[in-house]
């Protein structure tokens, strides 16, 4: 399970010896996926999120707490829905 987000950033361009020669707008395709989940008996969980930029290597991003309901199916799906609803992931879509 994963979801995607496209971010536009302004990248600074510099020479090998460190001189800045301008900037360029760059569009990044970021794929996020839950790489691990830790659950406790009191319906609290922590989801570790990983990211992959432009099909590169996956690296850990951050951990997100969530409350789960075991009767509502996959805890991965529950965690992903909660994370995707956060402001920082606005505009993301299921991959």
PDB file of N, CA and C in Angstrom:
ATOM      1  N   UNK A   1       0.840  -1.175   0.000  1.00  0.00           N
ATOM      2  CA  UNK A   1       0.000   0.000   0.000  1.00  0.00           C
ATOM      3  C   UNK A   1       0.883   1.235   0.000  1.00  0.00           C
ATOM      4  N   UNK A   2       0.526   2.164  -0.840  1.00  0.00           N
ATOM      5  CA  UNK A   2       1.284   3.408  -0.893  1.00  0.00           C
ATOM      6  C   UNK A   2       0.392   4.519  -1.436  1.00  0.00           C
ATOM      7  N   UNK A   3       0.876   5.749  -1.288  1.00  0.00           N
ATOM      8  CA  UNK A   3       0.183   6.890  -1.867  1.00  0.00           C
ATOM      9  C   UNK A   3       1.209   7.866  -2.406  1.00  0.00           C
ATOM     10  N   UNK A   4       0.775   8.662  -3.388  1.00  0.00           N
ATOM     11  CA  UNK A   4       1.688   9.573  -4.076  1.00  0.00           C
ATOM     12  C   UNK A   4       1.309  11.030  -3.839  1.00  0.00           C
ATOM     13  N   UNK A   5       2.344  11.846  -3.903  1.00  0.00           N
ATOM     14  CA  UNK A   5       2.178  13.281  -3.779  1.00  0.00           C
ATOM     15  C   UNK A   5       3.204  13.930  -4.695  1.00  0.00           C
ATOM     16  N   UNK A   6       2.783  14.928  -5.446  1.00  0.00           N
ATOM     17  CA  UNK A   6       3.709  15.679  -6.290  1.00  0.00           C
ATOM     18  C   UNK A   6       3.957  17.020  -5.627  1.00  0.00           C
ATOM     19  N   UNK A   7       5.233  17.347  -5.460  1.00  0.00           N
ATOM     20  CA  UNK A   7       5.607  18.625  -4.855  1.00  0.00           C
ATOM     21  C   UNK A   7       6.460  19.401  -5.834  1.00  0.00           C
ATOM     22  N   UNK A   8       6.175  20.679  -5.938  1.00  0.00           N
ATOM     23  CA  UNK A   8       6.983  21.567  -6.754  1.00  0.00           C
ATOM     24  C   UNK A   8       7.874  22.380  -5.833  1.00  0.00           C
ATOM     25  N   UNK A   9       9.175  22.345  -6.105  1.00  0.00           N
ATOM     26  CA  UNK A   9      10.124  23.080  -5.276  1.00  0.00           C
ATOM     27  C   UNK A   9      11.010  23.940  -6.160  1.00  0.00           C
ATOM     28  N   UNK A  10      11.641  24.925  -5.554  1.00  0.00           N
ATOM     29  CA  UNK A  10      12.622  25.738  -6.250  1.00  0.00           C
ATOM     30  C   UNK A  10      14.000  25.241  -5.826  1.00  0.00           C
ATOM     31  N   UNK A  11      14.741  24.694  -6.770  1.00  0.00           N
ATOM     32  CA  UNK A  11      16.070  24.149  -6.477  1.00  0.00           C
ATOM     33  C   UNK A  11      17.133  25.161  -6.875  1.00  0.00           C
ATOM     34  N   UNK A  12      18.088  25.382  -5.977  1.00  0.00           N
ATOM     35  CA  UNK A  12      19.201  26.273  -6.288  1.00  0.00           C
ATOM     36  C   UNK A  12      20.250  25.509  -7.082  1.00  0.00           C
ATOM     37  N   UNK A  13      20.771  26.161  -8.086  1.00  0.00           N
ATOM     38  CA  UNK A  13      21.795  25.551  -8.936  1.00  0.00           C
ATOM     39  C   UNK A  13      23.119  26.222  -8.614  1.00  0.00           C
ATOM     40  N   UNK A  14      24.138  25.395  -8.384  1.00  0.00           N
ATOM     41  CA  UNK A  14      25.461  25.954  -8.088  1.00  0.00           C
ATOM     42  C   UNK A  14      26.522  25.179  -8.854  1.00  0.00           C
ATOM     43  N   UNK A  15      27.652  25.827  -9.011  1.00  0.00           N
ATOM     44  CA  UNK A  15      28.783  25.198  -9.695  1.00  0.00           C
ATOM     45  C   UNK A  15      29.485  24.241  -8.732  1.00  0.00           C
ATOM     46  N   UNK A  16      30.402  23.449  -9.250  1.00  0.00           N
ATOM     47  CA  UNK A  16      31.143  22.507  -8.412  1.00  0.00           C
ATOM     48  C   UNK A  16      31.925  23.198  -7.299  1.00  0.00           C
ATOM     49  N   UNK A  17      32.329  24.442  -7.538  1.00  0.00           N
ATOM     50  CA  UNK A  17      33.085  25.153  -6.509  1.00  0.00           C
ATOM     51  C   UNK A  17      32.205  26.038  -5.620  1.00  0.00           C
ATOM     52  N   UNK A  18      30.879  25.850  -5.701  1.00  0.00           N
ATOM     53  CA  UNK A  18      29.970  26.475  -4.752  1.00  0.00           C
ATOM     54  C   UNK A  18      29.339  27.794  -5.155  1.00  0.00           C
ATOM     55  N   UNK A  19      29.587  28.290  -6.333  1.00  0.00           N
ATOM     56  CA  UNK A  19      28.986  29.547  -6.763  1.00  0.00           C
ATOM     57  C   UNK A  19      27.547  29.314  -7.217  1.00  0.00           C
ATOM     58  N   UNK A  20      26.652  30.128  -6.698  1.00  0.00           N
ATOM     59  CA  UNK A  20      25.243  30.011  -7.072  1.00  0.00           C
ATOM     60  C   UNK A  20      25.039  30.642  -8.444  1.00  0.00           C
ATOM     61  N   UNK A  21      24.363  29.904  -9.325  1.00  0.00           N
ATOM     62  CA  UNK A  21      24.133  30.437 -10.678  1.00  0.00           C
ATOM     63  C   UNK A  21      22.643  30.542 -11.003  1.00  0.00           C
ATOM     64  N   UNK A  22      21.812  30.433  -9.981  1.00  0.00           N
ATOM     65  CA  UNK A  22      20.385  30.606 -10.201  1.00  0.00           C
ATOM     66  C   UNK A  22      19.563  29.520  -9.540  1.00  0.00           C
ATOM     67  N   UNK A  23      18.297  29.467  -9.954  1.00  0.00           N
ATOM     68  CA  UNK A  23      17.397  28.452  -9.420  1.00  0.00           C
ATOM     69  C   UNK A  23      16.487  27.955 -10.537  1.00  0.00           C
ATOM     70  N   UNK A  24      15.883  26.815 -10.290  1.00  0.00           N
ATOM     71  CA  UNK A  24      14.992  26.208 -11.274  1.00  0.00           C
ATOM     72  C   UNK A  24      13.867  25.513 -10.531  1.00  0.00           C
ATOM     73  N   UNK A  25      12.645  25.650 -11.033  1.00  0.00           N
ATOM     74  CA  UNK A  25      11.516  24.941 -10.450  1.00  0.00           C
ATOM     75  C   UNK A  25      11.572  23.476 -10.863  1.00  0.00           C
ATOM     76  N   UNK A  26      11.402  22.595  -9.870  1.00  0.00           N
ATOM     77  CA  UNK A  26      11.487  21.160 -10.107  1.00  0.00           C
ATOM     78  C   UNK A  26      10.245  20.496  -9.528  1.00  0.00           C
ATOM     79  N   UNK A  27       9.691  19.536 -10.249  1.00  0.00           N
ATOM     80  CA  UNK A  27       8.540  18.776  -9.780  1.00  0.00           C
ATOM     81  C   UNK A  27       9.028  17.406  -9.310  1.00  0.00           C
ATOM     82  N   UNK A  28       8.723  17.073  -8.049  1.00  0.00           N
ATOM     83  CA  UNK A  28       9.130  15.792  -7.484  1.00  0.00           C
ATOM     84  C   UNK A  28       7.916  14.899  -7.300  1.00  0.00           C
ATOM     85  N   UNK A  29       8.028  13.663  -7.703  1.00  0.00           N
ATOM     86  CA  UNK A  29       6.997  12.668  -7.459  1.00  0.00           C
ATOM     87  C   UNK A  29       7.446  11.850  -6.255  1.00  0.00           C
ATOM     88  N   UNK A  30       6.697  11.958  -5.156  1.00  0.00           N
ATOM     89  CA  UNK A  30       7.059  11.274  -3.923  1.00  0.00           C
ATOM     90  C   UNK A  30       6.041  10.174  -3.650  1.00  0.00           C
ATOM     91  N   UNK A  31       6.537   8.961  -3.479  1.00  0.00           N
ATOM     92  CA  UNK A  31       5.684   7.829  -3.124  1.00  0.00           C
ATOM     93  C   UNK A  31       5.940   7.501  -1.661  1.00  0.00           C
ATOM     94  N   UNK A  32       4.877   7.550  -0.860  1.00  0.00           N
ATOM     95  CA  UNK A  32       4.961   7.233   0.564  1.00  0.00           C
ATOM     96  C   UNK A  32       4.375   5.853   0.802  1.00  0.00           C
ATOM     97  N   UNK A  33       4.974   5.106   1.710  1.00  0.00           N
ATOM     98  CA  UNK A  33       4.422   3.818   2.105  1.00  0.00           C
ATOM     99  C   UNK A  33       4.715   3.572   3.579  1.00  0.00           C
ATOM    100  N   UNK A  34       3.818   2.838   4.203  1.00  0.00           N
ATOM    101  CA  UNK A  34       4.018   2.480   5.601  1.00  0.00           C
ATOM    102  C   UNK A  34       4.991   1.303   5.620  1.00  0.00           C
ATOM    103  N   UNK A  35       6.117   1.490   6.305  1.00  0.00           N
ATOM    104  CA  UNK A  35       7.133   0.438   6.317  1.00  0.00           C
ATOM    105  C   UNK A  35       7.058  -0.412   7.581  1.00  0.00           C
ATOM    106  N   UNK A  36       6.390   0.078   8.616  1.00  0.00           N
ATOM    107  CA  UNK A  36       6.160  -0.754   9.801  1.00  0.00           C
ATOM    108  C   UNK A  36       5.064  -0.134  10.660  1.00  0.00           C
ATOM    109  N   UNK A  37       4.425  -0.988  11.443  1.00  0.00           N
ATOM    110  CA  UNK A  37       3.393  -0.546  12.388  1.00  0.00           C
ATOM    111  C   UNK A  37       3.628  -1.243  13.715  1.00  0.00           C
ATOM    112  N   UNK A  38       3.524  -0.475  14.784  1.00  0.00           N
ATOM    113  CA  UNK A  38       3.582  -1.018  16.133  1.00  0.00           C
ATOM    114  C   UNK A  38       2.215  -0.789  16.769  1.00  0.00           C
ATOM    115  N   UNK A  39       1.620  -1.857  17.312  1.00  0.00           N
ATOM    116  CA  UNK A  39       0.284  -1.767  17.906  1.00  0.00           C
ATOM    117  C   UNK A  39       0.359  -2.059  19.402  1.00  0.00           C
ATOM    118  N   UNK A  40      -0.522  -1.406  20.150  1.00  0.00           N
ATOM    119  CA  UNK A  40      -0.648  -1.702  21.578  1.00  0.00           C
ATOM    120  C   UNK A  40      -2.059  -2.219  21.848  1.00  0.00           C
ATOM    121  N   UNK A  41      -2.258  -2.781  23.027  1.00  0.00           N
ATOM    122  CA  UNK A  41      -3.562  -3.360  23.385  1.00  0.00           C
ATOM    123  C   UNK A  41      -4.668  -2.319  23.531  1.00  0.00           C
ATOM    124  N   UNK A  42      -4.309  -1.051  23.701  1.00  0.00           N
ATOM    125  CA  UNK A  42      -5.320  -0.015  23.941  1.00  0.00           C
ATOM    126  C   UNK A  42      -5.768   0.702  22.666  1.00  0.00           C
ATOM    127  N   UNK A  43      -5.633   0.059  21.516  1.00  0.00           N
ATOM    128  CA  UNK A  43      -6.059   0.572  20.206  1.00  0.00           C
ATOM    129  C   UNK A  43      -5.224   1.741  19.693  1.00  0.00           C
ATOM    130  N   UNK A  44      -4.044   1.931  20.255  1.00  0.00           N
ATOM    131  CA  UNK A  44      -3.128   2.943  19.745  1.00  0.00           C
ATOM    132  C   UNK A  44      -2.069   2.266  18.895  1.00  0.00           C
ATOM    133  N   UNK A  45      -1.681   2.939  17.848  1.00  0.00           N
ATOM    134  CA  UNK A  45      -0.641   2.413  16.983  1.00  0.00           C
ATOM    135  C   UNK A  45       0.303   3.516  16.555  1.00  0.00           C
ATOM    136  N   UNK A  46       1.465   3.108  16.075  1.00  0.00           N
ATOM    137  CA  UNK A  46       2.432   4.040  15.500  1.00  0.00           C
ATOM    138  C   UNK A  46       2.840   3.471  14.154  1.00  0.00           C
ATOM    139  N   UNK A  47       2.666   4.282  13.111  1.00  0.00           N
ATOM    140  CA  UNK A  47       3.032   3.871  11.754  1.00  0.00           C
ATOM    141  C   UNK A  47       4.309   4.592  11.343  1.00  0.00           C
ATOM    142  N   UNK A  48       5.300   3.819  10.907  1.00  0.00           N
ATOM    143  CA  UNK A  48       6.548   4.378  10.386  1.00  0.00           C
ATOM    144  C   UNK A  48       6.374   4.554   8.885  1.00  0.00           C
ATOM    145  N   UNK A  49       6.526   5.791   8.414  1.00  0.00           N
ATOM    146  CA  UNK A  49       6.322   6.104   7.007  1.00  0.00           C
ATOM    147  C   UNK A  49       7.659   6.202   6.293  1.00  0.00           C
ATOM    148  N   UNK A  50       7.717   5.626   5.108  1.00  0.00           N
ATOM    149  CA  UNK A  50       8.895   5.726   4.259  1.00  0.00           C
ATOM    150  C   UNK A  50       8.553   6.502   3.000  1.00  0.00           C
ATOM    151  N   UNK A  51       9.554   7.072   2.355  1.00  0.00           N
ATOM    152  CA  UNK A  51       9.340   7.848   1.134  1.00  0.00           C
ATOM    153  C   UNK A  51      10.331   7.418   0.059  1.00  0.00           C
ATOM    154  N   UNK A  52       9.884   7.568  -1.166  1.00  0.00           N
ATOM    155  CA  UNK A  52      10.702   7.268  -2.337  1.00  0.00           C
ATOM    156  C   UNK A  52      10.507   8.425  -3.302  1.00  0.00           C
ATOM    157  N   UNK A  53      11.596   9.104  -3.665  1.00  0.00           N
ATOM    158  CA  UNK A  53      11.505  10.270  -4.549  1.00  0.00           C
ATOM    159  C   UNK A  53      11.954   9.878  -5.947  1.00  0.00           C
ATOM    160  N   UNK A  54      11.081  10.152  -6.911  1.00  0.00           N
ATOM    161  CA  UNK A  54      11.377   9.868  -8.321  1.00  0.00           C
ATOM    162  C   UNK A  54      11.959   8.465  -8.513  1.00  0.00           C
ATOM    163  N   UNK A  55      11.315   7.471  -7.883  1.00  0.00           N
ATOM    164  CA  UNK A  55      11.697   6.060  -8.006  1.00  0.00           C
ATOM    165  C   UNK A  55      13.086   5.724  -7.460  1.00  0.00           C
ATOM    166  N   UNK A  56      13.589   6.529  -6.519  1.00  0.00           N
ATOM    167  CA  UNK A  56      14.876   6.244  -5.886  1.00  0.00           C
ATOM    168  C   UNK A  56      14.705   5.244  -4.754  1.00  0.00           C
ATOM    169  N   UNK A  57      15.662   5.204  -3.863  1.00  0.00           N
ATOM    170  CA  UNK A  57      15.621   4.299  -2.711  1.00  0.00           C
ATOM    171  C   UNK A  57      14.605   4.787  -1.684  1.00  0.00           C
ATOM    172  N   UNK A  58      14.001   3.841  -0.961  1.00  0.00           N
ATOM    173  CA  UNK A  58      13.057   4.186   0.101  1.00  0.00           C
ATOM    174  C   UNK A  58      13.848   4.545   1.350  1.00  0.00           C
ATOM    175  N   UNK A  59      13.450   5.654   1.994  1.00  0.00           N
ATOM    176  CA  UNK A  59      14.088   6.059   3.237  1.00  0.00           C
ATOM    177  C   UNK A  59      13.015   6.412   4.260  1.00  0.00           C
ATOM    178  N   UNK A  60      13.294   6.190   5.563  1.00  0.00           N
ATOM    179  CA  UNK A  60      12.314   6.508   6.603  1.00  0.00           C
ATOM    180  C   UNK A  60      12.077   8.009   6.676  1.00  0.00           C
ATOM    181  N   UNK A  61      10.816   8.401   6.903  1.00  0.00           N
ATOM    182  CA  UNK A  61      10.468   9.817   6.983  1.00  0.00           C
ATOM    183  C   UNK A  61      10.143  10.211   8.409  1.00  0.00           C
ATOM    184  N   UNK A  62       9.105   9.614   8.952  1.00  0.00           N
ATOM    185  CA  UNK A  62       8.651   9.975  10.290  1.00  0.00           C
ATOM    186  C   UNK A  62       7.687   8.915  10.798  1.00  0.00           C
ATOM    187  N   UNK A  63       7.354   9.022  12.076  1.00  0.00           N
ATOM    188  CA  UNK A  63       6.370   8.129  12.685  1.00  0.00           C
ATOM    189  C   UNK A  63       5.111   8.910  12.994  1.00  0.00           C
ATOM    190  N   UNK A  64       3.959   8.258  12.815  1.00  0.00           N
ATOM    191  CA  UNK A  64       2.664   8.902  13.023  1.00  0.00           C
ATOM    192  C   UNK A  64       1.801   8.049  13.932  1.00  0.00           C
ATOM    193  N   UNK A  65       1.341   8.628  15.046  1.00  0.00           N
ATOM    194  CA  UNK A  65       0.440   7.879  15.926  1.00  0.00           C
ATOM    195  C   UNK A  65      -0.959   7.816  15.309  1.00  0.00           C
ATOM    196  N   UNK A  66      -1.677   6.744  15.596  1.00  0.00           N
ATOM    197  CA  UNK A  66      -3.055   6.629  15.123  1.00  0.00           C
ATOM    198  C   UNK A  66      -3.814   5.705  16.057  1.00  0.00           C
ATOM    199  N   UNK A  67      -5.123   5.817  16.013  1.00  0.00           N
ATOM    200  CA  UNK A  67      -6.003   4.940  16.788  1.00  0.00           C
ATOM    201  C   UNK A  67      -6.668   3.998  15.803  1.00  0.00           C
ATOM    202  N   UNK A  68      -6.654   2.717  16.107  1.00  0.00           N
ATOM    203  CA  UNK A  68      -7.209   1.726  15.185  1.00  0.00           C
ATOM    204  C   UNK A  68      -8.389   0.996  15.825  1.00  0.00           C
ATOM    205  N   UNK A  69      -9.187   0.396  14.956  1.00  0.00           N
ATOM    206  CA  UNK A  69     -10.312  -0.438  15.385  1.00  0.00           C
ATOM    207  C   UNK A  69     -10.165  -1.766  14.654  1.00  0.00           C
ATOM    208  N   UNK A  70      -9.797  -2.805  15.379  1.00  0.00           N
ATOM    209  CA  UNK A  70      -9.507  -4.106  14.778  1.00  0.00           C
ATOM    210  C   UNK A  70     -10.704  -4.667  14.005  1.00  0.00           C
ATOM    211  N   UNK A  71     -11.906  -4.239  14.367  1.00  0.00           N
ATOM    212  CA  UNK A  71     -13.104  -4.732  13.678  1.00  0.00           C
ATOM    213  C   UNK A  71     -13.318  -4.056  12.320  1.00  0.00           C
ATOM    214  N   UNK A  72     -12.524  -3.022  12.018  1.00  0.00           N
ATOM    215  CA  UNK A  72     -12.692  -2.285  10.760  1.00  0.00           C
ATOM    216  C   UNK A  72     -11.668  -2.677   9.706  1.00  0.00           C
ATOM    217  N   UNK A  73     -11.078  -3.854   9.835  1.00  0.00           N
ATOM    218  CA  UNK A  73     -10.190  -4.343   8.785  1.00  0.00           C
ATOM    219  C   UNK A  73      -8.730  -4.006   9.005  1.00  0.00           C
ATOM    220  N   UNK A  74      -8.013  -3.916   7.916  1.00  0.00           N
ATOM    221  CA  UNK A  74      -6.566  -3.752   7.913  1.00  0.00           C
ATOM    222  C   UNK A  74      -6.106  -2.509   8.671  1.00  0.00           C
ATOM    223  N   UNK A  75      -5.184  -2.708   9.616  1.00  0.00           N
ATOM    224  CA  UNK A  75      -4.636  -1.561  10.339  1.00  0.00           C
ATOM    225  C   UNK A  75      -3.744  -0.729   9.420  1.00  0.00           C
ATOM    226  N   UNK A  76      -3.151  -1.353   8.396  1.00  0.00           N
ATOM    227  CA  UNK A  76      -2.361  -0.598   7.425  1.00  0.00           C
ATOM    228  C   UNK A  76      -3.256   0.382   6.671  1.00  0.00           C
ATOM    229  N   UNK A  77      -4.425  -0.068   6.232  1.00  0.00           N
ATOM    230  CA  UNK A  77      -5.359   0.810   5.521  1.00  0.00           C
ATOM    231  C   UNK A  77      -5.857   1.923   6.437  1.00  0.00           C
ATOM    232  N   UNK A  78      -6.148   1.581   7.694  1.00  0.00           N
ATOM    233  CA  UNK A  78      -6.604   2.592   8.647  1.00  0.00           C
ATOM    234  C   UNK A  78      -5.518   3.651   8.870  1.00  0.00           C
ATOM    235  N   UNK A  79      -4.286   3.206   9.072  1.00  0.00           N
ATOM    236  CA  UNK A  79      -3.182   4.141   9.295  1.00  0.00           C
ATOM    237  C   UNK A  79      -2.955   5.019   8.064  1.00  0.00           C
ATOM    238  N   UNK A  80      -2.973   4.413   6.877  1.00  0.00           N
ATOM    239  CA  UNK A  80      -2.747   5.184   5.657  1.00  0.00           C
ATOM    240  C   UNK A  80      -3.832   6.241   5.472  1.00  0.00           C
ATOM    241  N   UNK A  81      -5.087   5.904   5.725  1.00  0.00           N
ATOM    242  CA  UNK A  81      -6.180   6.872   5.590  1.00  0.00           C
ATOM    243  C   UNK A  81      -5.994   8.045   6.532  1.00  0.00           C
ATOM    244  N   UNK A  82      -5.592   7.749   7.760  1.00  0.00           N
ATOM    245  CA  UNK A  82      -5.384   8.811   8.750  1.00  0.00           C
ATOM    246  C   UNK A  82      -4.211   9.699   8.343  1.00  0.00           C
ATOM    247  N   UNK A  83      -3.124   9.097   7.896  1.00  0.00           N
ATOM    248  CA  UNK A  83      -1.946   9.882   7.479  1.00  0.00           C
ATOM    249  C   UNK A  83      -2.257  10.730   6.253  1.00  0.00           C
ATOM    250  N   UNK A  84      -2.947  10.155   5.267  1.00  0.00           N
ATOM    251  CA  UNK A  84      -3.278  10.913   4.056  1.00  0.00           C
ATOM    252  C   UNK A  84      -4.178  12.106   4.348  1.00  0.00           C
ATOM    253  N   UNK A  85      -4.948  12.047   5.434  1.00  0.00           N
ATOM    254  CA  UNK A  85      -5.846  13.152   5.794  1.00  0.00           C
ATOM    255  C   UNK A  85      -5.106  14.318   6.449  1.00  0.00           C
ATOM    256  N   UNK A  86      -3.845  14.123   6.812  1.00  0.00           N
ATOM    257  CA  UNK A  86      -3.068  15.199   7.429  1.00  0.00           C
ATOM    258  C   UNK A  86      -2.771  16.303   6.409  1.00  0.00           C
ATOM    259  N   UNK A  87      -2.718  17.524   6.890  1.00  0.00           N
ATOM    260  CA  UNK A  87      -2.485  18.691   6.026  1.00  0.00           C
ATOM    261  C   UNK A  87      -1.231  18.538   5.164  1.00  0.00           C
ATOM    262  N   UNK A  88      -0.166  18.012   5.732  1.00  0.00           N
ATOM    263  CA  UNK A  88       1.092  17.908   4.994  1.00  0.00           C
ATOM    264  C   UNK A  88       1.019  16.968   3.793  1.00  0.00           C
ATOM    265  N   UNK A  89      -0.020  16.120   3.750  1.00  0.00           N
ATOM    266  CA  UNK A  89      -0.191  15.197   2.632  1.00  0.00           C
ATOM    267  C   UNK A  89      -1.402  15.557   1.776  1.00  0.00           C
ATOM    268  N   UNK A  90      -1.888  16.786   1.915  1.00  0.00           N
ATOM    269  CA  UNK A  90      -3.023  17.247   1.128  1.00  0.00           C
ATOM    270  C   UNK A  90      -2.748  17.124  -0.358  1.00  0.00           C
ATOM    271  N   UNK A  91      -3.693  16.625  -1.100  1.00  0.00           N
ATOM    272  CA  UNK A  91      -3.530  16.450  -2.539  1.00  0.00           C
ATOM    273  C   UNK A  91      -2.927  15.120  -2.921  1.00  0.00           C
ATOM    274  N   UNK A  92      -2.656  14.257  -1.939  1.00  0.00           N
ATOM    275  CA  UNK A  92      -2.087  12.948  -2.262  1.00  0.00           C
ATOM    276  C   UNK A  92      -3.171  12.013  -2.782  1.00  0.00           C
ATOM    277  N   UNK A  93      -2.737  10.988  -3.474  1.00  0.00           N
ATOM    278  CA  UNK A  93      -3.685  10.001  -4.006  1.00  0.00           C
ATOM    279  C   UNK A  93      -3.130   8.598  -3.809  1.00  0.00           C
ATOM    280  N   UNK A  94      -4.037   7.637  -3.688  1.00  0.00           N
ATOM    281  CA  UNK A  94      -3.630   6.246  -3.512  1.00  0.00           C
ATOM    282  C   UNK A  94      -2.931   5.775  -4.761  1.00  0.00           C
ATOM    283  N   UNK A  95      -1.813   5.106  -4.573  1.00  0.00           N
ATOM    284  CA  UNK A  95      -0.990   4.636  -5.697  1.00  0.00           C
ATOM    285  C   UNK A  95      -1.561   3.362  -6.275  1.00  0.00           C
TER     286      UNK A  95
END
